[in-house]
Amino acid sequence: MNCIMCENQKNIEDDPYFIMELETGYVILGWFQRFRGYTVFSCKHHGPELHDLEHDYKVKFLEEMTTVAEASFQCVQT
């Protein structure tokens, strides 16, 4: 099965909205800013559900996700 997210990650650094790579995922500025500061944190491992990730990886991913959320908040805070 082809996954558009996995395909997009192959050339992630060419994405004009790419911000940075973390251990478990990629930080990408939302290409549609319905909400100011909308940011995507795309997991490096393909899976249909978050609970399908291996436990230690899932914990690290969620930790990084909260860091990305806090950083995004700090950037757009008014």
PDB file of N, CA and C in Angstrom:
ATOM      1  N   MET A   1       0.840  -1.181   0.000  1.00  0.00           N
ATOM      2  CA  MET A   1       0.000   0.000   0.000  1.00  0.00           C
ATOM      3  C   MET A   1       0.887   1.247   0.000  1.00  0.00           C
ATOM      4  N   ASN A   2       0.558   2.201  -0.821  1.00  0.00           N
ATOM      5  CA  ASN A   2       1.298   3.461  -0.874  1.00  0.00           C
ATOM      6  C   ASN A   2       0.746   4.420   0.174  1.00  0.00           C
ATOM      7  N   CYS A   3       1.641   5.047   0.908  1.00  0.00           N
ATOM      8  CA  CYS A   3       1.262   6.014   1.935  1.00  0.00           C
ATOM      9  C   CYS A   3       1.825   7.372   1.534  1.00  0.00           C
ATOM     10  N   ILE A   4       0.980   8.356   1.399  1.00  0.00           N
ATOM     11  CA  ILE A   4       1.433   9.686   0.966  1.00  0.00           C
ATOM     12  C   ILE A   4       2.378  10.312   1.995  1.00  0.00           C
ATOM     13  N   MET A   5       2.156  10.055   3.276  1.00  0.00           N
ATOM     14  CA  MET A   5       3.040  10.619   4.300  1.00  0.00           C
ATOM     15  C   MET A   5       4.432  10.006   4.203  1.00  0.00           C
ATOM     16  N   CYS A   6       4.503   8.695   3.993  1.00  0.00           N
ATOM     17  CA  CYS A   6       5.814   8.038   3.844  1.00  0.00           C
ATOM     18  C   CYS A   6       6.528   8.539   2.591  1.00  0.00           C
ATOM     19  N   GLU A   7       5.790   8.723   1.516  1.00  0.00           N
ATOM     20  CA  GLU A   7       6.374   9.251   0.275  1.00  0.00           C
ATOM     21  C   GLU A   7       6.901  10.663   0.491  1.00  0.00           C
ATOM     22  N   ASN A   8       6.137  11.497   1.183  1.00  0.00           N
ATOM     23  CA  ASN A   8       6.558  12.877   1.442  1.00  0.00           C
ATOM     24  C   ASN A   8       7.823  12.936   2.291  1.00  0.00           C
ATOM     25  N   GLN A   9       8.001  11.963   3.181  1.00  0.00           N
ATOM     26  CA  GLN A   9       9.170  11.970   4.063  1.00  0.00           C
ATOM     27  C   GLN A   9      10.461  11.640   3.325  1.00  0.00           C
ATOM     28  N   LYS A  10      10.359  11.009   2.175  1.00  0.00           N
ATOM     29  CA  LYS A  10      11.567  10.643   1.424  1.00  0.00           C
ATOM     30  C   LYS A  10      12.382  11.868   1.017  1.00  0.00           C
ATOM     31  N   ASN A  11      11.705  12.961   0.724  1.00  0.00           N
ATOM     32  CA  ASN A  11      12.368  14.211   0.319  1.00  0.00           C
ATOM     33  C   ASN A  11      11.950  15.359   1.234  1.00  0.00           C
ATOM     34  N   ILE A  12      11.859  15.064   2.515  1.00  0.00           N
ATOM     35  CA  ILE A  12      11.316  16.031   3.474  1.00  0.00           C
ATOM     36  C   ILE A  12      12.088  17.354   3.481  1.00  0.00           C
ATOM     37  N   GLU A  13      13.378  17.299   3.287  1.00  0.00           N
ATOM     38  CA  GLU A  13      14.169  18.533   3.345  1.00  0.00           C
ATOM     39  C   GLU A  13      13.904  19.451   2.155  1.00  0.00           C
ATOM     40  N   ASP A  14      13.251  18.949   1.109  1.00  0.00           N
ATOM     41  CA  ASP A  14      12.873  19.782  -0.030  1.00  0.00           C
ATOM     42  C   ASP A  14      11.529  20.471   0.186  1.00  0.00           C
ATOM     43  N   ASP A  15      10.820  20.065   1.217  1.00  0.00           N
ATOM     44  CA  ASP A  15       9.508  20.637   1.523  1.00  0.00           C
ATOM     45  C   ASP A  15       9.710  22.057   2.046  1.00  0.00           C
ATOM     46  N   PRO A  16       9.091  23.064   1.421  1.00  0.00           N
ATOM     47  CA  PRO A  16       9.293  24.442   1.876  1.00  0.00           C
ATOM     48  C   PRO A  16       8.750  24.701   3.286  1.00  0.00           C
ATOM     49  N   TYR A  17       7.918  23.807   3.801  1.00  0.00           N
ATOM     50  CA  TYR A  17       7.344  23.973   5.138  1.00  0.00           C
ATOM     51  C   TYR A  17       8.093  23.169   6.203  1.00  0.00           C
ATOM     52  N   PHE A  18       9.098  22.403   5.785  1.00  0.00           N
ATOM     53  CA  PHE A  18       9.901  21.608   6.712  1.00  0.00           C
ATOM     54  C   PHE A  18      10.661  22.527   7.661  1.00  0.00           C
ATOM     55  N   ILE A  19      10.583  22.228   8.957  1.00  0.00           N
ATOM     56  CA  ILE A  19      11.292  23.025   9.964  1.00  0.00           C
ATOM     57  C   ILE A  19      12.511  22.281  10.480  1.00  0.00           C
ATOM     58  N   MET A  20      12.299  21.075  11.006  1.00  0.00           N
ATOM     59  CA  MET A  20      13.431  20.322  11.528  1.00  0.00           C
ATOM     60  C   MET A  20      13.080  18.853  11.743  1.00  0.00           C
ATOM     61  N   GLU A  21      14.127  18.055  11.876  1.00  0.00           N
ATOM     62  CA  GLU A  21      13.984  16.631  12.149  1.00  0.00           C
ATOM     63  C   GLU A  21      14.317  16.376  13.616  1.00  0.00           C
ATOM     64  N   LEU A  22      13.465  15.600  14.277  1.00  0.00           N
ATOM     65  CA  LEU A  22      13.744  15.149  15.633  1.00  0.00           C
ATOM     66  C   LEU A  22      13.964  13.642  15.594  1.00  0.00           C
ATOM     67  N   GLU A  23      14.229  13.046  16.730  1.00  0.00           N
ATOM     68  CA  GLU A  23      14.540  11.612  16.767  1.00  0.00           C
ATOM     69  C   GLU A  23      13.393  10.756  16.214  1.00  0.00           C
ATOM     70  N   THR A  24      12.152  11.105  16.546  1.00  0.00           N
ATOM     71  CA  THR A  24      11.018  10.260  16.159  1.00  0.00           C
ATOM     72  C   THR A  24      10.140  10.832  15.057  1.00  0.00           C
ATOM     73  N   GLY A  25      10.407  12.066  14.634  1.00  0.00           N
ATOM     74  CA  GLY A  25       9.528  12.650  13.625  1.00  0.00           C
ATOM     75  C   GLY A  25      10.065  13.924  13.012  1.00  0.00           C
ATOM     76  N   TYR A  26       9.234  14.489  12.142  1.00  0.00           N
ATOM     77  CA  TYR A  26       9.593  15.700  11.404  1.00  0.00           C
ATOM     78  C   TYR A  26       8.619  16.815  11.770  1.00  0.00           C
ATOM     79  N   VAL A  27       9.157  17.998  12.021  1.00  0.00           N
ATOM     80  CA  VAL A  27       8.347  19.168  12.329  1.00  0.00           C
ATOM     81  C   VAL A  27       8.118  19.928  11.026  1.00  0.00           C
ATOM     82  N   ILE A  28       6.845  20.160  10.707  1.00  0.00           N
ATOM     83  CA  ILE A  28       6.478  20.820   9.455  1.00  0.00           C
ATOM     84  C   ILE A  28       5.441  21.897   9.769  1.00  0.00           C
ATOM     85  N   LEU A  29       5.697  23.103   9.308  1.00  0.00           N
ATOM     86  CA  LEU A  29       4.724  24.171   9.466  1.00  0.00           C
ATOM     87  C   LEU A  29       3.494  23.821   8.652  1.00  0.00           C
ATOM     88  N   GLY A  30       2.330  23.965   9.253  1.00  0.00           N
ATOM     89  CA  GLY A  30       1.096  23.659   8.531  1.00  0.00           C
ATOM     90  C   GLY A  30       0.972  24.507   7.287  1.00  0.00           C
ATOM     91  N   TRP A  31       0.754  23.880   6.154  1.00  0.00           N
ATOM     92  CA  TRP A  31       0.656  24.582   4.874  1.00  0.00           C
ATOM     93  C   TRP A  31      -0.652  25.355   4.782  1.00  0.00           C
ATOM     94  N   PHE A  32      -1.593  25.075   5.669  1.00  0.00           N
ATOM     95  CA  PHE A  32      -2.866  25.777   5.726  1.00  0.00           C
ATOM     96  C   PHE A  32      -3.009  26.302   7.147  1.00  0.00           C
ATOM     97  N   GLN A  33      -2.925  27.606   7.304  1.00  0.00           N
ATOM     98  CA  GLN A  33      -2.917  28.212   8.634  1.00  0.00           C
ATOM     99  C   GLN A  33      -4.305  28.671   9.072  1.00  0.00           C
ATOM    100  N   ARG A  34      -5.247  27.738   9.167  1.00  0.00           N
ATOM    101  CA  ARG A  34      -6.564  28.089   9.702  1.00  0.00           C
ATOM    102  C   ARG A  34      -6.417  28.562  11.155  1.00  0.00           C
ATOM    103  N   PHE A  35      -5.495  27.913  11.862  1.00  0.00           N
ATOM    104  CA  PHE A  35      -5.165  28.311  13.219  1.00  0.00           C
ATOM    105  C   PHE A  35      -3.711  28.767  13.220  1.00  0.00           C
ATOM    106  N   ARG A  36      -3.468  29.984  13.662  1.00  0.00           N
ATOM    107  CA  ARG A  36      -2.120  30.573  13.657  1.00  0.00           C
ATOM    108  C   ARG A  36      -1.145  29.641  14.382  1.00  0.00           C
ATOM    109  N   GLY A  37      -0.062  29.289  13.706  1.00  0.00           N
ATOM    110  CA  GLY A  37       0.957  28.436  14.282  1.00  0.00           C
ATOM    111  C   GLY A  37       0.727  26.954  14.081  1.00  0.00           C
ATOM    112  N   TYR A  38      -0.294  26.605  13.291  1.00  0.00           N
ATOM    113  CA  TYR A  38      -0.592  25.189  13.052  1.00  0.00           C
ATOM    114  C   TYR A  38       0.663  24.472  12.558  1.00  0.00           C
ATOM    115  N   THR A  39       1.038  23.424  13.262  1.00  0.00           N
ATOM    116  CA  THR A  39       2.259  22.684  12.974  1.00  0.00           C
ATOM    117  C   THR A  39       1.952  21.194  12.953  1.00  0.00           C
ATOM    118  N   VAL A  40       2.590  20.475  12.052  1.00  0.00           N
ATOM    119  CA  VAL A  40       2.436  19.026  11.940  1.00  0.00           C
ATOM    120  C   VAL A  40       3.701  18.372  12.483  1.00  0.00           C
ATOM    121  N   PHE A  41       3.530  17.345  13.322  1.00  0.00           N
ATOM    122  CA  PHE A  41       4.664  16.538  13.767  1.00  0.00           C
ATOM    123  C   PHE A  41       4.431  15.140  13.222  1.00  0.00           C
ATOM    124  N   SER A  42       5.111  14.839  12.144  1.00  0.00           N
ATOM    125  CA  SER A  42       4.914  13.600  11.398  1.00  0.00           C
ATOM    126  C   SER A  42       5.864  12.517  11.900  1.00  0.00           C
ATOM    127  N   CYS A  43       5.297  11.411  12.358  1.00  0.00           N
ATOM    128  CA  CYS A  43       6.085  10.300  12.895  1.00  0.00           C
ATOM    129  C   CYS A  43       6.912   9.644  11.790  1.00  0.00           C
ATOM    130  N   LYS A  44       8.135   9.252  12.122  1.00  0.00           N
ATOM    131  CA  LYS A  44       9.004   8.592  11.149  1.00  0.00           C
ATOM    132  C   LYS A  44       8.565   7.160  10.857  1.00  0.00           C
ATOM    133  N   HIS A  45       7.857   6.544  11.784  1.00  0.00           N
ATOM    134  CA  HIS A  45       7.418   5.155  11.596  1.00  0.00           C
ATOM    135  C   HIS A  45       5.967   5.122  11.144  1.00  0.00           C
ATOM    136  N   HIS A  46       5.733   4.404  10.055  1.00  0.00           N
ATOM    137  CA  HIS A  46       4.392   4.282   9.521  1.00  0.00           C
ATOM    138  C   HIS A  46       3.551   3.388  10.427  1.00  0.00           C
ATOM    139  N   GLY A  47       2.331   3.781  10.627  1.00  0.00           N
ATOM    140  CA  GLY A  47       1.395   2.961  11.386  1.00  0.00           C
ATOM    141  C   GLY A  47       0.025   3.599  11.350  1.00  0.00           C
ATOM    142  N   PRO A  48      -1.005   2.801  11.353  1.00  0.00           N
ATOM    143  CA  PRO A  48      -2.345   3.359  11.277  1.00  0.00           C
ATOM    144  C   PRO A  48      -2.802   4.039  12.565  1.00  0.00           C
ATOM    145  N   GLU A  49      -2.258   3.622  13.691  1.00  0.00           N
ATOM    146  CA  GLU A  49      -2.688   4.173  14.981  1.00  0.00           C
ATOM    147  C   GLU A  49      -1.489   4.397  15.893  1.00  0.00           C
ATOM    148  N   LEU A  50      -1.576   5.409  16.717  1.00  0.00           N
ATOM    149  CA  LEU A  50      -0.515   5.721  17.666  1.00  0.00           C
ATOM    150  C   LEU A  50      -0.240   4.545  18.597  1.00  0.00           C
ATOM    151  N   HIS A  51      -1.285   3.864  19.026  1.00  0.00           N
ATOM    152  CA  HIS A  51      -1.090   2.752  19.964  1.00  0.00           C
ATOM    153  C   HIS A  51      -0.391   1.548  19.321  1.00  0.00           C
ATOM    154  N   ASP A  52      -0.226   1.559  17.992  1.00  0.00           N
ATOM    155  CA  ASP A  52       0.491   0.481  17.309  1.00  0.00           C
ATOM    156  C   ASP A  52       2.006   0.614  17.425  1.00  0.00           C
ATOM    157  N   LEU A  53       2.493   1.791  17.824  1.00  0.00           N
ATOM    158  CA  LEU A  53       3.938   1.983  17.974  1.00  0.00           C
ATOM    159  C   LEU A  53       4.464   1.189  19.163  1.00  0.00           C
ATOM    160  N   GLU A  54       5.722   0.760  19.072  1.00  0.00           N
ATOM    161  CA  GLU A  54       6.384   0.073  20.184  1.00  0.00           C
ATOM    162  C   GLU A  54       6.408   1.032  21.379  1.00  0.00           C
ATOM    163  N   HIS A  55       6.232   0.521  22.578  1.00  0.00           N
ATOM    164  CA  HIS A  55       6.010   1.344  23.770  1.00  0.00           C
ATOM    165  C   HIS A  55       7.062   2.436  23.974  1.00  0.00           C
ATOM    166  N   ASP A  56       8.346   2.071  23.996  1.00  0.00           N
ATOM    167  CA  ASP A  56       9.389   3.066  24.263  1.00  0.00           C
ATOM    168  C   ASP A  56       9.438   4.138  23.176  1.00  0.00           C
ATOM    169  N   TYR A  57       9.220   3.731  21.931  1.00  0.00           N
ATOM    170  CA  TYR A  57       9.215   4.684  20.819  1.00  0.00           C
ATOM    171  C   TYR A  57       8.010   5.620  20.951  1.00  0.00           C
ATOM    172  N   LYS A  58       6.871   5.052  21.306  1.00  0.00           N
ATOM    173  CA  LYS A  58       5.653   5.847  21.470  1.00  0.00           C
ATOM    174  C   LYS A  58       5.833   6.894  22.564  1.00  0.00           C
ATOM    175  N   VAL A  59       6.437   6.511  23.678  1.00  0.00           N
ATOM    176  CA  VAL A  59       6.673   7.452  24.774  1.00  0.00           C
ATOM    177  C   VAL A  59       7.589   8.587  24.311  1.00  0.00           C
ATOM    178  N   LYS A  60       8.651   8.251  23.588  1.00  0.00           N
ATOM    179  CA  LYS A  60       9.574   9.276  23.079  1.00  0.00           C
ATOM    180  C   LYS A  60       8.868  10.179  22.070  1.00  0.00           C
ATOM    181  N   PHE A  61       8.063   9.586  21.188  1.00  0.00           N
ATOM    182  CA  PHE A  61       7.323  10.367  20.196  1.00  0.00           C
ATOM    183  C   PHE A  61       6.382  11.358  20.882  1.00  0.00           C
ATOM    184  N   LEU A  62       5.655  10.891  21.888  1.00  0.00           N
ATOM    185  CA  LEU A  62       4.729  11.772  22.599  1.00  0.00           C
ATOM    186  C   LEU A  62       5.466  12.871  23.356  1.00  0.00           C
ATOM    187  N   GLU A  63       6.625  12.545  23.903  1.00  0.00           N
ATOM    188  CA  GLU A  63       7.443  13.559  24.579  1.00  0.00           C
ATOM    189  C   GLU A  63       7.878  14.636  23.578  1.00  0.00           C
ATOM    190  N   GLU A  64       8.363  14.200  22.421  1.00  0.00           N
ATOM    191  CA  GLU A  64       8.774  15.169  21.397  1.00  0.00           C
ATOM    192  C   GLU A  64       7.572  15.956  20.873  1.00  0.00           C
ATOM    193  N   MET A  65       6.435  15.300  20.760  1.00  0.00           N
ATOM    194  CA  MET A  65       5.228  15.987  20.287  1.00  0.00           C
ATOM    195  C   MET A  65       4.855  17.140  21.222  1.00  0.00           C
ATOM    196  N   THR A  66       4.947  16.911  22.530  1.00  0.00           N
ATOM    197  CA  THR A  66       4.612  17.984  23.464  1.00  0.00           C
ATOM    198  C   THR A  66       5.640  19.118  23.404  1.00  0.00           C
ATOM    199  N   THR A  67       6.890  18.784  23.151  1.00  0.00           N
ATOM    200  CA  THR A  67       7.927  19.813  23.000  1.00  0.00           C
ATOM    201  C   THR A  67       7.633  20.671  21.769  1.00  0.00           C
ATOM    202  N   VAL A  68       7.259  20.026  20.670  1.00  0.00           N
ATOM    203  CA  VAL A  68       6.906  20.753  19.443  1.00  0.00           C
ATOM    204  C   VAL A  68       5.685  21.635  19.687  1.00  0.00           C
ATOM    205  N   ALA A  69       4.696  21.101  20.385  1.00  0.00           N
ATOM    206  CA  ALA A  69       3.491  21.877  20.678  1.00  0.00           C
ATOM    207  C   ALA A  69       3.820  23.114  21.519  1.00  0.00           C
ATOM    208  N   GLU A  70       4.657  22.949  22.511  1.00  0.00           N
ATOM    209  CA  GLU A  70       5.040  24.080  23.368  1.00  0.00           C
ATOM    210  C   GLU A  70       5.827  25.121  22.580  1.00  0.00           C
ATOM    211  N   ALA A  71       6.756  24.657  21.741  1.00  0.00           N
ATOM    212  CA  ALA A  71       7.558  25.594  20.933  1.00  0.00           C
ATOM    213  C   ALA A  71       6.671  26.365  19.973  1.00  0.00           C
ATOM    214  N   SER A  72       5.730  25.668  19.336  1.00  0.00           N
ATOM    215  CA  SER A  72       4.796  26.344  18.416  1.00  0.00           C
ATOM    216  C   SER A  72       3.974  27.388  19.153  1.00  0.00           C
ATOM    217  N   PHE A  73       3.488  27.028  20.324  1.00  0.00           N
ATOM    218  CA  PHE A  73       2.717  27.951  21.144  1.00  0.00           C
ATOM    219  C   PHE A  73       3.525  29.185  21.480  1.00  0.00           C
ATOM    220  N   GLN A  74       4.774  28.972  21.909  1.00  0.00           N
ATOM    221  CA  GLN A  74       5.633  30.095  22.272  1.00  0.00           C
ATOM    222  C   GLN A  74       5.888  31.029  21.099  1.00  0.00           C
ATOM    223  N   CYS A  75       5.976  30.470  19.889  1.00  0.00           N
ATOM    224  CA  CYS A  75       6.238  31.280  18.702  1.00  0.00           C
ATOM    225  C   CYS A  75       5.079  32.188  18.332  1.00  0.00           C
ATOM    226  N   VAL A  76       3.859  31.749  18.585  1.00  0.00           N
ATOM    227  CA  VAL A  76       2.694  32.519  18.129  1.00  0.00           C
ATOM    228  C   VAL A  76       1.938  33.177  19.272  1.00  0.00           C
ATOM    229  N   GLN A  77       2.385  33.000  20.482  1.00  0.00           N
ATOM    230  CA  GLN A  77       1.717  33.578  21.635  1.00  0.00           C
ATOM    231  C   GLN A  77       1.621  35.089  21.480  1.00  0.00           C
ATOM    232  N   THR A  78       0.462  35.631  21.798  1.00  0.00           N
ATOM    233  CA  THR A  78       0.286  37.089  21.699  1.00  0.00           C
ATOM    234  C   THR A  78       0.108  37.724  23.041  1.00  0.00           C
TER     235      THR A  78
END
